N, C-alpha and C. Protein backbone atom coordinates (compact mmCIF):
# COMPACT_ATOMS: atom_id res chain seq x y z
N MET A 1 0.82 -1.25 -0.08
CA MET A 1 -0.45 -0.21 -0.02
C MET A 1 0.98 1.03 0.29
N LYS A 2 0.58 2.07 -0.96
CA LYS A 2 1.40 3.23 -0.80
C LYS A 2 0.84 4.52 -0.01
N LEU A 3 1.34 4.88 0.70
CA LEU A 3 1.21 5.93 1.73
C LEU A 3 1.06 7.36 1.18
N LYS A 4 -0.13 8.04 1.76
CA LYS A 4 -0.39 9.55 1.25
C LYS A 4 -0.20 10.46 2.22
N ILE A 5 0.76 11.25 1.94
CA ILE A 5 1.43 11.94 3.03
C ILE A 5 0.50 13.83 3.08
N ILE A 6 -0.08 13.82 3.61
CA ILE A 6 -0.84 14.96 3.95
C ILE A 6 0.10 16.09 5.04
N ASP A 7 -0.04 17.81 4.38
CA ASP A 7 0.59 18.53 4.36
C ASP A 7 -0.28 19.56 5.42
N ALA A 8 0.12 20.32 6.20
CA ALA A 8 -0.02 21.52 7.01
C ALA A 8 -0.68 21.97 6.27
N SER A 9 -0.22 22.67 5.17
CA SER A 9 -1.11 24.22 4.29
C SER A 9 -2.42 23.39 3.58
N VAL A 10 -2.54 21.91 3.65
CA VAL A 10 -3.56 20.96 3.63
C VAL A 10 -4.63 20.75 4.66
N ALA A 11 -4.18 20.83 5.59
CA ALA A 11 -5.14 20.36 7.18
C ALA A 11 -5.70 21.99 7.10
N ILE A 12 -4.67 22.25 7.72
CA ILE A 12 -5.27 23.84 8.11
C ILE A 12 -6.64 24.42 7.26
N LYS A 13 -6.53 24.01 6.11
CA LYS A 13 -8.09 24.49 5.46
C LYS A 13 -9.19 23.31 6.12
N TRP A 14 -9.11 22.16 6.49
CA TRP A 14 -10.39 21.68 7.41
C TRP A 14 -10.60 22.80 8.69
N PHE A 15 -9.96 23.62 9.38
CA PHE A 15 -9.98 24.48 10.11
C PHE A 15 -10.43 25.90 9.86
N VAL A 16 -10.05 26.64 8.81
CA VAL A 16 -10.16 27.43 8.38
C VAL A 16 -11.03 27.81 7.07
N ASP A 17 -11.69 28.62 6.67
CA ASP A 17 -11.99 29.06 5.27
C ASP A 17 -11.14 29.94 4.37
N GLU A 18 -10.46 28.75 3.41
CA GLU A 18 -9.17 29.45 2.28
C GLU A 18 -9.73 29.00 1.23
N PRO A 19 -9.17 29.35 0.04
CA PRO A 19 -9.17 28.88 -1.10
C PRO A 19 -8.62 27.06 -1.39
N ASN A 20 -9.84 26.39 -1.78
CA ASN A 20 -9.70 25.16 -2.25
C ASN A 20 -10.18 24.26 -0.81
N ARG A 21 -10.43 24.95 0.13
CA ARG A 21 -11.73 24.09 1.33
C ARG A 21 -11.94 22.96 1.09
N LYS A 22 -12.91 23.36 -0.23
CA LYS A 22 -13.74 21.86 -0.51
C LYS A 22 -12.87 20.65 -0.87
N GLU A 23 -11.87 20.76 -1.08
CA GLU A 23 -11.13 19.87 -1.56
C GLU A 23 -10.45 19.46 -0.72
N ALA A 24 -10.14 19.90 0.26
CA ALA A 24 -9.30 19.44 1.40
C ALA A 24 -10.66 18.51 2.29
N MET A 25 -11.94 18.78 2.63
CA MET A 25 -12.98 18.37 2.83
C MET A 25 -12.99 17.05 2.59
N ASP A 26 -13.37 17.05 1.19
CA ASP A 26 -13.43 15.54 0.35
C ASP A 26 -12.18 14.91 1.01
N LEU A 27 -10.58 15.62 1.10
CA LEU A 27 -9.62 14.62 1.50
C LEU A 27 -9.85 14.19 2.74
N LEU A 28 -10.43 14.84 3.79
CA LEU A 28 -10.62 15.05 5.05
C LEU A 28 -11.85 13.30 5.26
N SER A 29 -13.20 13.80 4.41
CA SER A 29 -13.35 12.47 4.43
C SER A 29 -13.06 11.17 3.89
N GLN A 30 -11.79 10.96 2.67
CA GLN A 30 -10.84 9.62 2.95
C GLN A 30 -9.98 9.35 4.45
N ILE A 31 -10.06 10.51 4.54
CA ILE A 31 -8.71 9.86 5.71
C ILE A 31 -10.11 9.44 6.72
N GLU A 32 -11.33 10.10 7.05
CA GLU A 32 -12.05 9.63 8.02
C GLU A 32 -12.17 8.11 7.69
N GLN A 33 -12.53 7.68 6.57
CA GLN A 33 -12.93 6.59 6.07
C GLN A 33 -11.91 5.52 6.20
N ASN A 34 -10.84 5.43 6.01
CA ASN A 34 -9.52 4.53 6.00
C ASN A 34 -8.03 5.40 6.02
N PRO A 35 -8.19 5.87 7.41
CA PRO A 35 -6.82 6.58 7.94
C PRO A 35 -5.35 6.21 7.44
N ARG A 36 -5.29 4.74 7.92
CA ARG A 36 -4.10 3.94 7.72
C ARG A 36 -3.39 4.31 6.34
N GLN A 37 -3.85 4.94 5.28
CA GLN A 37 -3.75 5.15 3.90
C GLN A 37 -3.08 6.26 3.88
N PHE A 38 -3.27 7.19 5.01
CA PHE A 38 -2.83 8.43 5.28
C PHE A 38 -1.53 8.30 6.19
N GLY A 39 -0.21 9.33 6.04
CA GLY A 39 0.53 9.72 6.84
C GLY A 39 0.97 11.37 7.12
N VAL A 40 1.50 11.98 8.24
CA VAL A 40 1.93 12.68 8.17
C VAL A 40 3.49 13.20 8.39
N PRO A 41 4.17 14.17 8.30
CA PRO A 41 5.76 14.03 8.72
C PRO A 41 5.40 14.55 10.58
N GLU A 42 6.39 14.09 10.48
CA GLU A 42 6.85 14.25 11.64
C GLU A 42 6.59 15.22 12.40
N LEU A 43 6.75 16.62 11.79
CA LEU A 43 6.91 17.85 12.42
C LEU A 43 5.34 18.54 12.21
N PHE A 44 4.82 17.57 11.68
CA PHE A 44 3.08 18.20 11.31
C PHE A 44 1.99 18.93 12.50
N PHE A 45 2.10 17.74 13.58
CA PHE A 45 1.52 18.28 14.72
C PHE A 45 2.06 19.72 15.12
N ASN A 46 3.22 19.79 15.41
CA ASN A 46 4.13 21.45 15.53
C ASN A 46 3.82 22.49 14.63
N GLU A 47 3.79 21.86 13.07
CA GLU A 47 2.81 23.25 12.47
C GLU A 47 1.84 23.44 12.61
N MET A 48 1.02 22.51 12.09
CA MET A 48 -0.10 22.94 12.77
C MET A 48 -0.71 23.70 14.20
N LEU A 49 0.13 23.71 15.45
CA LEU A 49 -0.09 24.31 16.59
C LEU A 49 0.76 25.86 16.42
N SER A 50 1.66 25.37 15.87
CA SER A 50 2.25 26.64 15.33
C SER A 50 1.10 28.11 14.34
N VAL A 51 0.84 27.62 13.67
CA VAL A 51 -0.57 28.42 12.48
C VAL A 51 -1.43 28.39 13.70
N PHE A 52 -2.23 26.82 14.13
CA PHE A 52 -3.40 27.70 15.37
C PHE A 52 -3.09 28.92 16.45
N CYS A 53 -1.87 29.19 17.03
CA CYS A 53 -1.30 29.97 17.46
C CYS A 53 -1.37 31.25 16.73
N LYS A 54 -1.23 31.53 15.70
CA LYS A 54 -0.69 32.74 14.78
C LYS A 54 -2.67 32.96 14.32
N LEU A 55 -3.12 32.28 14.44
CA LEU A 55 -4.43 32.70 14.24
C LEU A 55 -5.13 33.73 15.42
N ALA A 56 -4.25 33.25 16.69
CA ALA A 56 -4.80 34.10 17.86
C ALA A 56 -5.99 33.36 18.21
N LEU A 57 -6.27 32.01 18.15
CA LEU A 57 -7.36 31.25 18.62
C LEU A 57 -7.57 31.05 20.23
N SER A 58 -8.19 30.73 21.09
CA SER A 58 -8.30 30.55 22.69
C SER A 58 -7.65 29.32 22.48
N GLU A 59 -7.45 29.05 23.79
CA GLU A 59 -6.59 28.10 23.93
C GLU A 59 -7.11 26.92 24.30
N LYS A 60 -8.83 27.25 24.49
CA LYS A 60 -10.01 25.86 24.05
C LYS A 60 -9.67 25.43 23.04
N GLU A 61 -9.60 25.99 21.77
CA GLU A 61 -10.34 26.16 20.20
C GLU A 61 -9.07 25.46 20.19
N ILE A 62 -7.62 25.35 20.39
CA ILE A 62 -6.29 25.01 19.69
C ILE A 62 -6.59 23.56 20.44
N VAL A 63 -6.58 23.34 21.76
CA VAL A 63 -6.71 22.01 22.02
C VAL A 63 -7.73 21.14 21.28
N SER A 64 -8.75 21.93 21.16
CA SER A 64 -10.06 21.10 20.43
C SER A 64 -9.59 20.35 19.09
N PHE A 65 -9.00 21.00 18.70
CA PHE A 65 -8.40 21.32 16.93
C PHE A 65 -7.32 20.05 16.82
N MET A 66 -6.32 20.42 18.53
CA MET A 66 -4.92 19.13 18.14
C MET A 66 -5.44 17.79 18.72
N HIS A 67 -6.63 17.60 19.47
CA HIS A 67 -7.74 16.33 19.77
C HIS A 67 -7.84 15.65 18.50
N CYS A 68 -8.42 16.75 17.39
CA CYS A 68 -9.52 15.99 16.23
C CYS A 68 -8.10 15.70 15.62
N LEU A 69 -7.38 16.43 15.14
CA LEU A 69 -5.91 15.85 14.77
C LEU A 69 -5.36 14.69 14.68
N GLN A 70 -5.19 14.29 16.04
CA GLN A 70 -4.55 13.39 16.50
C GLN A 70 -5.61 12.17 16.54
N ASN A 71 -7.16 12.61 16.58
CA ASN A 71 -7.44 10.97 16.59
C ASN A 71 -7.81 10.64 15.24
N LEU A 72 -7.32 11.46 14.27
CA LEU A 72 -7.34 11.12 12.85
C LEU A 72 -6.85 9.49 12.52
N GLY A 73 -6.07 9.27 13.54
CA GLY A 73 -5.01 7.99 13.47
C GLY A 73 -4.22 8.04 12.11
N PHE A 74 -3.69 8.53 11.57
CA PHE A 74 -2.74 8.42 10.12
C PHE A 74 -1.66 8.16 10.81
N HIS A 75 -0.54 7.99 9.85
CA HIS A 75 0.76 7.52 10.45
C HIS A 75 1.70 8.60 10.57
N ARG A 76 2.61 8.71 11.34
CA ARG A 76 3.24 9.61 11.75
C ARG A 76 4.84 9.30 11.09
N ILE A 77 5.61 9.88 10.31
CA ILE A 77 6.43 9.54 9.28
C ILE A 77 7.54 10.27 9.63
N GLY A 78 8.87 9.71 10.29
CA GLY A 78 9.37 10.26 11.18
C GLY A 78 11.09 10.59 9.94
N ASN A 79 11.83 11.17 10.23
CA ASN A 79 13.23 11.47 9.42
C ASN A 79 14.23 9.69 9.23
C-alpha cells in the first residue's frame, strides 16, 4: 500500500475557510474512512500548533483542534 502524505497547508483548510477548502474537506472524508492510507511528517503536529497560535485562537479551540487531528489516526513519518 502506498501511503499518501498530508501537509499542514492542506490540513489547516479543515479549520479555516481558505481557497480549495472543498477539496481539503473531501480529503478529510477519505482520511476518516481509511486513516491507515494516510501519513503526516513528524513535525506536522508542531506545524499545526504553530499555525493555530498565529491565528490567535483561544486555548480551548487549539486544544480541541489538536485533539481532532490526533484522533484521525494517520501514520507519523519520521526522518
